Protein backbone atom coordinates (compact mmCIF):
# COMPACT_ATOMS: atom_id res chain seq x y z
CA MET A 1 0.00 0.00 0.00
CA GLU A 2 2.80 2.38 0.90
CA ASN A 3 4.53 1.70 -2.41
CA LYS A 4 1.29 2.18 -4.33
CA THR A 5 0.53 5.41 -2.46
CA GLY A 6 4.02 6.77 -3.14
CA LYS A 7 3.74 5.93 -6.80
CA TYR A 8 0.32 7.60 -6.95
CA PHE A 9 1.64 10.83 -5.39
CA LYS A 10 4.59 10.85 -7.75
CA TYR A 11 2.26 10.34 -10.69
CA ALA A 12 -0.10 13.09 -9.46
CA ILE A 13 2.75 15.52 -8.92
CA GLY A 14 4.06 14.68 -12.39
CA GLU A 15 0.65 15.38 -13.89
CA ILE A 16 0.42 18.69 -12.05
CA VAL A 17 3.88 19.68 -13.24
CA LEU A 18 2.95 18.82 -16.82
CA VAL A 19 -0.28 20.85 -16.56
CA VAL A 20 1.65 23.84 -15.12
CA ILE A 21 4.27 23.56 -17.84
CA GLY A 22 1.51 23.38 -20.43
CA ILE A 23 -0.15 26.50 -19.03
CA LEU A 24 3.17 28.37 -18.95
CA ILE A 25 3.88 27.35 -22.54
CA ALA A 26 0.41 28.48 -23.61
CA LEU A 27 0.84 31.81 -21.81
CA GLY A 28 4.26 32.22 -23.38
CA ILE A 29 2.85 31.54 -26.85
CA ASN A 30 -0.01 33.99 -26.26
CA ASP A 31 2.44 36.61 -24.99
CA TRP A 32 4.70 36.04 -27.98
CA ASN A 33 1.72 36.33 -30.35
CA GLU A 34 0.58 39.52 -28.62
CA LYS A 35 4.05 41.05 -28.88
CA ARG A 36 4.25 40.01 -32.53
CA LYS A 37 0.88 41.65 -33.23
CA ASN A 38 1.98 44.80 -31.41
CA ARG A 39 5.22 44.90 -33.43
CA GLU A 40 3.29 44.51 -36.68
CA HIS A 41 0.78 47.16 -35.59
CA GLY A 42 3.64 49.42 -34.49
CA ASN A 43 5.32 49.06 -37.89
CA MET A 44 2.05 49.94 -39.63
CA ILE A 45 1.71 53.01 -37.41
CA LYS A 46 5.29 54.05 -38.19
CA GLN A 47 4.65 53.82 -41.92
CA ALA A 48 1.42 55.83 -41.62
CA LEU A 49 3.11 58.57 -39.57
CA LYS A 50 6.09 58.60 -41.90
CA ALA A 51 3.86 59.02 -44.97
CA GLU A 52 2.01 61.87 -43.26
CA LEU A 53 5.27 63.60 -42.37
CA ILE A 54 6.66 63.19 -45.90
CA ASN A 55 3.55 64.87 -47.34
CA ASP A 56 3.87 67.62 -44.73
CA LEU A 57 7.53 68.10 -45.64
CA VAL A 58 6.60 68.72 -49.29
CA LEU A 59 4.18 71.49 -48.25
CA ILE A 60 6.73 73.05 -45.88
CA LYS A 61 9.26 73.25 -48.72
CA VAL A 62 6.66 74.91 -50.97
CA ASP A 63 5.95 77.44 -48.20
CA LEU A 64 9.66 78.10 -47.78
CA LYS A 65 10.16 78.70 -51.50
CA TYR A 66 7.27 81.20 -51.54
CA THR A 67 8.62 82.89 -48.40
CA GLU A 68 12.16 83.24 -49.77
CA THR A 69 10.85 84.66 -53.06
CA GLU A 70 8.63 87.17 -51.27
CA LEU A 71 11.43 88.14 -48.92
CA GLU A 72 13.77 88.85 -51.84
CA ILE A 73 11.15 90.95 -53.64
CA ASN A 74 10.25 93.01 -50.60
CA LEU A 75 13.87 93.54 -49.58
CA GLY A 76 14.26 94.92 -53.09
CA TYR A 77 11.52 97.47 -52.41
CA ALA A 78 13.18 98.49 -49.14
CA LYS A 79 16.53 98.87 -50.88
CA ARG A 80 15.09 101.03 -53.67
CA LEU A 81 13.24 103.27 -51.21
CA SER A 82 16.36 103.63 -49.06
CA ASP A 83 18.45 104.83 -52.01
CA VAL A 84 19.61 108.47 -51.88
CA ASN A 85 17.87 109.10 -55.21
CA ALA A 86 14.50 107.69 -54.09
CA ASN A 87 11.59 110.15 -54.21
CA LEU A 88 7.79 110.23 -54.15
CA ASP A 89 7.65 108.89 -57.71
CA THR A 90 9.67 105.84 -56.62
CA LEU A 91 7.31 105.21 -53.73
CA THR A 92 4.17 105.75 -55.80
CA LYS A 93 5.42 103.47 -58.57
CA ILE A 94 6.08 100.65 -56.11
CA VAL A 95 2.78 101.02 -54.25
CA ARG A 96 0.62 101.50 -57.35
CA ASN A 97 2.10 98.99 -59.75
CA GLU A 98 4.42 96.55 -58.03
CA TYR A 99 3.60 95.87 -54.40
CA TYR A 100 1.38 92.82 -53.91
CA ILE A 101 -0.48 93.57 -50.73
CA GLY A 102 -1.84 90.05 -50.17
CA PHE A 103 -0.13 87.29 -48.27
CA ASN A 104 -0.20 83.52 -48.66
CA GLY A 105 -1.13 81.75 -45.45
CA ILE A 106 0.88 78.85 -44.06
CA SER A 107 -0.14 75.34 -45.12
CA GLU A 108 -2.34 73.49 -42.64
CA LEU A 109 -0.72 70.72 -40.64
CA ASP A 110 -2.11 67.28 -41.40
CA LYS A 111 -1.98 65.22 -38.23
CA THR A 112 -4.89 62.85 -38.82
CA THR A 113 -2.89 59.74 -37.94
CA PHE A 114 -1.24 61.33 -34.91
CA LYS A 115 -4.56 62.54 -33.45
CA SER A 116 -6.11 59.10 -33.98
CA LEU A 117 -3.22 57.41 -32.16
CA GLU A 118 -3.38 59.87 -29.29
CA SER A 119 -7.12 59.44 -28.86
CA THR A 120 -6.87 55.62 -28.86
CA GLY A 121 -3.76 55.51 -26.67
CA THR A 122 -1.84 53.42 -29.21
CA LEU A 123 0.99 55.84 -29.96
CA ASN A 124 3.35 53.99 -27.58
CA LEU A 125 3.23 50.96 -29.87
CA ILE A 126 5.99 52.66 -31.88
CA GLY A 127 8.21 52.72 -28.78
CA ASN A 128 8.27 55.12 -25.83
CA ASP A 129 11.20 57.23 -27.04
CA LEU A 130 9.86 57.61 -30.58
CA ALA A 131 6.38 58.35 -29.22
CA LYS A 132 7.80 61.15 -27.03
CA ASN A 133 9.79 62.58 -29.95
CA THR A 134 6.68 62.52 -32.15
CA GLN A 135 4.56 64.27 -29.52
CA LYS A 136 7.27 66.89 -29.02
CA TYR A 137 7.48 67.45 -32.78
CA TYR A 138 3.74 68.07 -33.20
CA ILE A 139 3.57 70.35 -30.16
CA GLY A 140 6.41 72.40 -31.65
CA ARG A 141 4.76 72.48 -35.07
CA GLU A 142 1.49 73.76 -33.62
CA PHE A 143 3.31 76.45 -31.66
CA ASN A 144 5.30 77.66 -34.69
CA ILE A 145 2.21 77.74 -36.92
CA GLY A 146 0.57 79.86 -34.22
CA VAL A 147 3.53 82.28 -34.27
CA ILE A 148 3.31 82.65 -38.06
CA ASN A 149 -0.47 83.13 -37.99
CA ASN A 150 -0.21 85.77 -35.25
CA ASN A 151 2.38 87.66 -37.31
CA ASN A 152 0.00 87.47 -40.28
CA LYS A 153 -2.77 89.03 -38.17
CA ILE A 154 -0.49 91.93 -37.23
CA TYR A 155 0.24 92.50 -40.91
CA TYR A 156 -3.45 92.32 -41.88
CA ASN A 157 -4.31 94.87 -39.18
CA LEU A 158 -1.94 97.29 -40.91
CA MET A 159 -2.99 96.23 -44.40
CA GLU A 160 -6.71 96.97 -44.12
CA PRO A 161 -6.53 100.73 -43.40
CA PHE A 162 -3.69 101.09 -45.91
CA MET A 163 -5.63 99.32 -48.66
CA LEU A 164 -8.70 101.51 -48.07
CA LYS A 165 -6.65 104.68 -48.41
CA TYR A 166 -4.14 103.50 -51.01
CA PRO A 167 -5.79 100.66 -52.98
CA ALA A 168 -2.60 100.09 -55.00
CA ASN A 169 -3.11 97.60 -57.84
CA TYR A 170 -6.62 96.77 -56.61
CA PHE A 171 -8.01 100.09 -57.82
CA ALA A 172 -11.54 99.58 -59.22
CA ILE A 173 -11.66 103.09 -60.72
CA ASN A 174 -9.24 103.74 -63.58
CA GLY A 175 -8.57 106.62 -65.95
CA HIS A 176 -8.15 110.28 -65.06
CA LEU A 177 -9.81 109.96 -61.65
CA ARG A 178 -7.22 107.45 -60.59
CA GLU A 179 -4.40 109.67 -61.88
CA GLU A 180 -5.76 112.71 -60.03
CA TYR A 181 -6.05 110.64 -56.86
CA TRP A 182 -2.40 109.68 -56.92
CA GLU A 183 -1.25 113.16 -57.91
CA ASN A 184 -2.83 114.56 -54.76
CA VAL A 185 -1.83 111.96 -52.19
CA ASP A 186 -0.25 113.05 -48.94
CA SER A 187 3.33 111.92 -49.53
CA ASN A 188 4.30 111.94 -45.84
CA GLN A 189 1.27 109.87 -44.87
CA LEU A 190 1.80 107.43 -47.75
CA SER A 191 5.47 107.05 -46.87
CA GLY A 192 4.76 106.51 -43.18
CA MET A 193 1.97 103.97 -43.68
CA PHE A 194 3.83 102.03 -46.34
CA ASN A 195 6.98 101.96 -44.24
CA GLY A 196 4.99 100.38 -41.41
CA LEU A 197 3.35 97.89 -43.76
CA LEU A 198 6.61 96.90 -45.48
CA THR A 199 8.47 96.63 -42.15
CA SER A 200 5.78 94.32 -40.79
CA ARG A 201 5.90 92.21 -43.95
CA LEU A 202 9.69 91.88 -43.86
CA PHE A 203 9.65 90.93 -40.18
CA ASN A 204 6.90 88.39 -40.86
CA LEU A 205 8.79 86.85 -43.78
CA GLY A 206 12.07 86.74 -41.87
CA VAL A 207 10.55 84.90 -38.91
CA ARG A 208 8.61 82.63 -41.24
CA LYS A 209 11.74 81.70 -43.20
CA ARG A 210 13.67 80.85 -40.02
CA ILE A 211 10.82 78.72 -38.64
CA LEU A 212 10.28 76.85 -41.91
CA LYS A 213 13.98 76.04 -42.34
CA GLU A 214 14.18 74.73 -38.78
CA THR A 215 10.97 72.75 -39.33
CA ILE A 216 12.35 71.09 -42.45
CA ASP A 217 15.39 69.87 -40.48
CA LYS A 218 13.27 68.62 -37.58
CA THR A 219 10.77 66.91 -39.86
CA GLN A 220 13.49 65.12 -41.80
CA LYS A 221 15.18 63.96 -38.58
CA LEU A 222 11.89 62.54 -37.28
CA ILE A 223 11.20 60.81 -40.61
CA ASN A 224 14.61 59.15 -40.38
CA GLN A 225 13.74 57.79 -36.93
CA PHE A 226 10.85 55.81 -38.43
CA ASP A 227 13.19 53.80 -40.65
């Protein structure tokens, strides 16, 4: 009986050990499958974010090209008006026929994928460090876009009263009435208002150029981290 009982306990313990090992193996397989799924999902997320950033980078470069062109043109106006030979005719010619008073806005930031990941709490599937870098990037982008838009508002606040008084190349009335209007303008007032408008525009473009160049570098660095 003692031998039989001992053998029974050994057998029972062996069965229990096998069951435990089986459970641990099953848990290990499930854990491995879950990690594999998360890796695959994380890679899909990386590719989606990367594609979004690449598209954004194209738009940033277009904005930079426009900004650099506008900056060169408007620096040209400032240089001509600062020349010792500049006079009222120089100013009038620039304001009436050359100066484009409008301003292209900055391209909107597409962060559809990023917002979706944040709302679902799945951004960390790309890795904690990369997730933090991505969050930091988008926070910085939003801030810089806000800076550019605020500078645009300052410019538009100066532009509206100027455009009403000196409609430049948006003059609806042409012919002799237009000529008489410009012959009788207050040169000091025109010079002062245009100086303020041009100064604001140059400041705006200078800040915008710096921000866009920095953004291109930061965007490219983040794109590289997804590879």
